[in-house]
Amino acid sequence: MGVESVLHPSLIVPVGHVEPVPRRVRGIVDGHVVFDTRRALYVWEWAGYPQYCVPRDDLVEASLMDDDRTEHLGAGPARRHSLRVRDAVREGAAWVWHDGAPEAVRGTVRFRWSALDAWLEEDEPVYVHPRSPYARVDALRSSSRVRVEIDGVVLADAPHCVKLFETGLPTRYYLDRAHINWPLLRRTDHVTQCPYKGTTSGYWSFDGGTGPHEDILWAYDFPTVQASRIAGLAAFYNEYVDLYVDGTLLPRPTGTPGVPARAGGRRG
C-alpha cells in the first residue's frame, strides 16, 4: 500500500492575475449596504487567495474619501480612501487601483476585509477572504489509523479518520472525539475562521513536560455545507505534533501558508 504521502498540490495563481466573479457580492457596515455588485473582479495580490475588486458605481449607501496617499499592494499601486457609511467613518478602509495595477481593475475599489462588518456571496456569508476558484477542499472518510503524540504522550489514537485535502495545505486528519485523550488537553478561548470551512467551535492546548503547546487541536461543530463531513470531529496541527498514519511517523510540515510559527493559525 505504501507510505502516506506528505506532498500536496501547491498554489499556482500568479500575483496580478485577474478574473471575473460570477456571483453577486455585497458588503455590509452597521446594517447598511456598502456595495452591491454583480460585476466584481478577483485580483491576486499574493498567490494564496484573491481579493474582490468592486466597480465604484456599485457603491450603495456609502462614499469614499481620498486619503491623499498612494500605497503599493501586491498587484500594484492603489490610492487609499476612507469609507463613510451614513454618519460612520472607517479610516483607511479601501483602495482604488491606480495606474500600474492590472488594467482590468484600475478604478475599481478593493476594501480592507476587516473594515466591513459582513461580506456576502449571493445570500451566504464569506469569512476571512474570498474563496479562490482555483482551490478545492475535499473531506474523505478513510480507514487509515491515526496516532498523535507530543513528547511521547499519546493524545489521540483513532482507528479511522476523515482526511481533509485543501489546495496548498498539508492533509488534515479529523478524528472522532471518542478517540482523543481529553483529560490531557486544556480548552482555550481561541477562535479562527476559514472561508472554506467556517468558524471553529473550539481549540485545545497541551501542557507537556517541555512546556505548553498552545492551540494544537481544533474542531468545527457547524462547518460549511461543503465541509460537512468534519462536523463534530477534531484535528491536530501536523506542524506541532508527532502524527503517525498507519504506523508511520509523518515529517512535520514547515512554512505552511497561513500557519504562524505557533499553533492556532488561521488555516486549519
Protein backbone atom coordinates (compact mmCIF):
# COMPACT_ATOMS: atom_id res chain seq x y z
CA MET A 1 0.00 0.00 0.00
CA GLY A 2 2.97 2.30 0.51
CA VAL A 3 3.61 5.21 2.88
CA GLU A 4 1.22 8.13 3.33
CA SER A 5 2.24 10.98 1.03
CA VAL A 6 3.03 14.29 2.69
CA LEU A 7 3.11 16.06 -0.68
CA HIS A 8 0.20 18.24 -1.71
CA PRO A 9 -0.75 20.47 -4.67
CA SER A 10 0.85 23.90 -4.49
CA LEU A 11 -0.73 27.28 -5.10
CA ILE A 12 -0.27 28.20 -8.75
CA VAL A 13 -2.03 31.52 -9.41
CA PRO A 14 0.42 34.34 -10.23
CA VAL A 15 0.32 37.67 -8.43
CA GLY A 16 -1.58 40.24 -10.50
CA HIS A 17 -3.92 37.67 -12.06
CA VAL A 18 -7.49 38.97 -12.60
CA GLU A 19 -10.69 37.01 -13.20
CA PRO A 20 -14.43 37.86 -13.18
CA VAL A 21 -16.54 36.90 -10.16
CA PRO A 22 -19.72 35.15 -11.45
CA ARG A 23 -21.57 35.85 -8.18
CA ARG A 24 -23.45 38.70 -6.57
CA VAL A 25 -21.22 40.21 -3.86
CA ARG A 26 -22.31 42.59 -1.09
CA GLY A 27 -20.59 44.35 1.81
CA ILE A 28 -22.34 45.50 5.00
CA VAL A 29 -21.47 48.11 7.66
CA ASP A 30 -23.77 48.82 10.61
CA GLY A 31 -26.60 47.10 8.75
CA HIS A 32 -26.19 49.34 5.69
CA VAL A 33 -25.22 48.10 2.23
CA VAL A 34 -21.82 49.49 1.28
CA PHE A 35 -21.87 47.96 -2.19
CA ASP A 36 -24.00 45.52 -4.16
CA THR A 37 -22.39 44.23 -7.34
CA ARG A 38 -22.65 41.54 -9.96
CA ARG A 39 -19.56 42.91 -11.71
CA ALA A 40 -16.84 42.18 -9.14
CA LEU A 41 -13.39 41.00 -10.15
CA TYR A 42 -10.91 38.77 -8.37
CA VAL A 43 -7.34 40.08 -8.14
CA TRP A 44 -4.48 38.05 -6.68
CA GLU A 45 -2.23 40.26 -4.54
CA TRP A 46 -0.40 37.11 -3.44
CA ALA A 47 -0.60 33.51 -4.58
CA GLY A 48 -2.70 32.18 -1.71
CA TYR A 49 -6.08 33.71 -2.46
CA PRO A 50 -7.71 36.67 -4.23
CA GLN A 51 -9.42 39.86 -3.13
CA TYR A 52 -12.60 41.35 -4.55
CA CYS A 53 -12.48 44.47 -6.70
CA VAL A 54 -15.76 46.38 -6.88
CA PRO A 55 -16.83 48.94 -9.50
CA ARG A 56 -17.11 52.31 -7.82
CA ASP A 57 -20.54 52.83 -9.42
CA ASP A 58 -21.86 49.86 -7.39
CA LEU A 59 -21.49 51.60 -4.02
CA VAL A 60 -24.97 51.97 -2.49
CA GLU A 61 -25.17 53.60 0.95
CA ALA A 62 -21.53 54.62 1.13
CA SER A 63 -18.99 57.07 -0.23
CA LEU A 64 -15.19 57.17 -0.40
CA MET A 65 -12.94 59.97 0.84
CA ASP A 66 -9.47 60.23 -0.70
CA ASP A 67 -6.76 59.96 1.99
CA ASP A 68 -4.23 61.59 -0.38
CA ARG A 69 -1.95 58.59 -0.05
CA THR A 70 -0.81 56.04 -2.63
CA GLU A 71 0.25 52.60 -1.41
CA HIS A 72 1.64 49.58 -3.24
CA LEU A 73 -0.47 46.49 -2.77
CA GLY A 74 0.65 43.12 -4.08
CA ALA A 75 -0.73 43.68 -7.58
CA GLY A 76 0.33 47.31 -7.98
CA PRO A 77 -0.24 50.89 -6.76
CA ALA A 78 -3.57 51.98 -5.27
CA ARG A 79 -4.90 55.19 -3.79
CA ARG A 80 -6.05 54.78 -0.19
CA HIS A 81 -9.52 56.01 0.82
CA SER A 82 -11.63 56.18 3.97
CA LEU A 83 -15.19 54.90 3.92
CA ARG A 84 -18.23 56.89 5.00
CA VAL A 85 -21.45 55.00 5.72
CA ARG A 86 -24.13 57.40 6.95
CA ASP A 87 -22.51 59.09 9.98
CA ALA A 88 -19.80 56.44 10.48
CA VAL A 89 -16.31 56.80 9.04
CA ARG A 90 -13.88 53.91 8.77
CA GLU A 91 -10.39 55.22 8.21
CA GLY A 92 -8.22 53.69 5.50
CA ALA A 93 -10.89 51.14 4.65
CA ALA A 94 -10.43 51.00 0.88
CA TRP A 95 -8.06 51.42 -2.03
CA VAL A 96 -8.80 52.47 -5.58
CA TRP A 97 -6.45 50.78 -8.03
CA HIS A 98 -4.19 53.24 -9.85
CA ASP A 99 -2.03 53.31 -12.99
CA GLY A 100 0.47 50.47 -12.78
CA ALA A 101 -2.10 47.97 -11.43
CA PRO A 102 -3.55 45.35 -13.80
CA GLU A 103 -5.55 47.23 -16.41
CA ALA A 104 -8.82 45.38 -15.73
CA VAL A 105 -9.00 46.55 -12.11
CA ARG A 106 -7.89 50.18 -12.48
CA GLY A 107 -10.50 52.48 -10.97
CA THR A 108 -12.19 49.66 -9.03
CA VAL A 109 -12.29 49.54 -5.24
CA ARG A 110 -10.55 46.97 -3.05
CA PHE A 111 -11.90 47.07 0.54
CA ARG A 112 -9.93 46.05 3.60
CA TRP A 113 -11.72 42.90 4.70
CA SER A 114 -11.95 43.79 8.40
CA ALA A 115 -13.29 47.28 7.63
CA LEU A 116 -16.69 45.79 6.76
CA ASP A 117 -18.95 44.02 9.24
CA ALA A 118 -20.09 41.32 6.83
CA TRP A 119 -19.48 40.04 3.30
CA LEU A 120 -22.00 38.05 1.26
CA GLU A 121 -21.67 35.92 -1.86
CA GLU A 122 -25.26 35.65 -3.10
CA ASP A 123 -27.00 35.20 0.29
CA GLU A 124 -24.21 33.27 2.04
CA PRO A 125 -21.63 34.81 4.38
CA VAL A 126 -17.95 34.75 3.41
CA TYR A 127 -15.24 34.70 6.08
CA VAL A 128 -11.64 35.96 6.11
CA HIS A 129 -11.20 36.37 2.34
CA PRO A 130 -12.87 35.36 -0.94
CA ARG A 131 -12.81 31.68 -1.79
CA SER A 132 -10.39 31.04 -4.62
CA PRO A 133 -11.96 29.50 -7.74
CA TYR A 134 -8.73 27.52 -8.12
CA ALA A 135 -8.82 25.90 -4.65
CA ARG A 136 -10.50 22.65 -3.67
CA VAL A 137 -11.48 21.31 -0.27
CA ASP A 138 -12.37 17.60 -0.16
CA ALA A 139 -13.23 15.67 3.00
CA LEU A 140 -12.97 11.90 2.56
CA ARG A 141 -13.64 9.12 5.05
CA SER A 142 -10.58 6.91 5.50
CA SER A 143 -9.68 3.67 7.24
CA SER A 144 -6.18 5.00 8.00
CA ARG A 145 -5.27 4.70 11.68
CA VAL A 146 -4.01 7.93 13.23
CA ARG A 147 -1.99 8.32 16.43
CA VAL A 148 -0.95 11.69 17.80
CA GLU A 149 1.84 12.22 20.34
CA ILE A 150 3.83 15.02 21.93
CA ASP A 151 6.97 14.16 23.90
CA GLY A 152 5.90 10.51 23.83
CA VAL A 153 2.49 11.23 25.39
CA VAL A 154 -0.39 9.82 23.33
CA LEU A 155 -3.06 12.48 22.78
CA ALA A 156 -5.17 10.51 20.31
CA ASP A 157 -5.32 7.03 18.80
CA ALA A 158 -8.07 6.62 16.22
CA PRO A 159 -8.82 3.54 14.07
CA HIS A 160 -10.18 5.74 11.25
CA CYS A 161 -10.42 9.40 10.29
CA VAL A 162 -11.69 11.91 7.78
CA LYS A 163 -8.89 13.28 5.63
CA LEU A 164 -9.35 16.87 4.55
CA PHE A 165 -7.47 17.83 1.38
CA GLU A 166 -7.19 21.58 0.79
CA THR A 167 -5.19 23.10 -2.05
CA GLY A 168 -1.89 24.49 -0.81
CA LEU A 169 -2.08 22.91 2.67
CA PRO A 170 -0.97 19.59 4.19
CA THR A 171 -3.62 16.91 4.63
CA ARG A 172 -5.52 17.39 7.88
CA TYR A 173 -6.72 14.34 9.82
CA TYR A 174 -10.07 14.81 11.55
CA LEU A 175 -10.75 12.34 14.35
CA ASP A 176 -13.83 11.15 16.24
CA ARG A 177 -13.77 12.74 19.68
CA ALA A 178 -14.10 9.35 21.36
CA HIS A 179 -10.51 8.59 20.34
CA ILE A 180 -8.94 11.77 21.79
CA ASN A 181 -7.43 11.87 25.30
CA TRP A 182 -9.40 14.89 26.53
CA PRO A 183 -8.20 14.86 30.20
CA LEU A 184 -4.72 15.81 28.91
CA LEU A 185 -6.00 18.81 26.98
CA ARG A 186 -6.91 22.33 28.08
CA ARG A 187 -9.62 24.29 26.28
CA THR A 188 -8.77 27.85 25.22
CA ASP A 189 -10.73 30.87 24.01
CA HIS A 190 -9.03 30.87 20.60
CA VAL A 191 -11.34 31.14 17.57
CA THR A 192 -10.44 31.15 13.88
CA GLN A 193 -12.38 31.38 10.66
CA CYS A 194 -11.84 29.80 7.27
CA PRO A 195 -13.68 30.79 4.08
CA TYR A 196 -13.92 27.12 3.08
CA LYS A 197 -14.87 25.54 6.43
CA GLY A 198 -16.45 28.25 8.58
CA THR A 199 -15.85 29.21 12.22
CA THR A 200 -14.16 26.92 14.73
CA SER A 201 -16.14 25.83 17.77
CA GLY A 202 -13.14 25.11 19.98
CA TYR A 203 -9.36 25.00 20.39
CA TRP A 204 -7.34 22.98 22.90
CA SER A 205 -3.77 23.11 24.22
CA PHE A 206 -1.50 20.55 25.87
CA ASP A 207 0.70 21.27 28.90
CA GLY A 208 3.55 18.82 28.49
CA GLY A 209 6.81 18.14 30.24
CA THR A 210 8.64 20.58 27.95
CA GLY A 211 6.08 23.35 28.45
CA PRO A 212 2.74 24.40 27.00
CA HIS A 213 1.79 23.57 23.42
CA GLU A 214 -0.86 26.17 22.65
CA ASP A 215 -3.87 25.69 20.38
CA ILE A 216 -2.76 22.47 18.72
CA LEU A 217 -6.23 20.95 18.31
CA TRP A 218 -9.39 22.45 16.85
CA ALA A 219 -12.93 21.44 15.91
CA TYR A 220 -15.73 22.63 13.65
CA ASP A 221 -19.10 21.63 15.14
CA PHE A 222 -21.00 23.52 12.44
CA PRO A 223 -18.81 23.71 9.32
CA THR A 224 -19.93 24.89 5.91
CA VAL A 225 -22.04 22.53 3.84
CA GLN A 226 -19.03 21.79 1.62
CA ALA A 227 -17.05 20.52 4.64
CA SER A 228 -19.96 18.84 6.45
CA ARG A 229 -18.07 15.56 6.92
CA ILE A 230 -15.80 17.15 9.54
CA ALA A 231 -18.74 18.29 11.71
CA GLY A 232 -18.08 17.32 15.33
CA LEU A 233 -14.62 15.93 14.58
CA ALA A 234 -11.30 17.43 15.72
CA ALA A 235 -7.89 17.79 14.08
CA PHE A 236 -4.35 18.42 15.31
CA TYR A 237 -1.84 20.70 13.64
CA ASN A 238 0.57 18.40 11.83
CA GLU A 239 3.15 21.16 12.30
CA TYR A 240 3.25 20.85 16.10
CA VAL A 241 2.66 17.18 16.97
CA ASP A 242 4.11 13.78 16.16
CA LEU A 243 1.50 12.33 13.82
CA TYR A 244 1.54 8.64 12.88
CA VAL A 245 -0.62 7.42 9.99
CA ASP A 246 -0.92 3.65 9.66
CA GLY A 247 2.09 3.31 11.96
CA THR A 248 4.41 5.66 10.05
CA LEU A 249 5.56 8.94 11.59
CA LEU A 250 4.94 11.78 9.15
CA PRO A 251 7.50 14.58 8.85
CA ARG A 252 6.26 17.85 10.25
CA PRO A 253 5.37 20.39 7.56
CA THR A 254 7.27 23.66 7.61
CA GLY A 255 6.41 27.01 6.12
CA THR A 256 2.70 26.22 5.73
CA PRO A 257 0.85 29.25 4.23
CA GLY A 258 -1.42 30.88 6.79
CA VAL A 259 0.04 28.94 9.74
CA PRO A 260 2.25 31.06 12.03
CA ALA A 261 5.27 29.87 14.00
CA ARG A 262 2.99 28.93 16.88
CA ALA A 263 -0.11 26.75 16.77
CA GLY A 264 -3.57 28.15 16.33
CA GLY A 265 -3.16 29.83 12.98
CA ARG A 266 -5.90 30.96 10.67
CA ARG A 267 -6.00 27.94 8.39
CA GLY A 268 -6.78 24.52 9.80
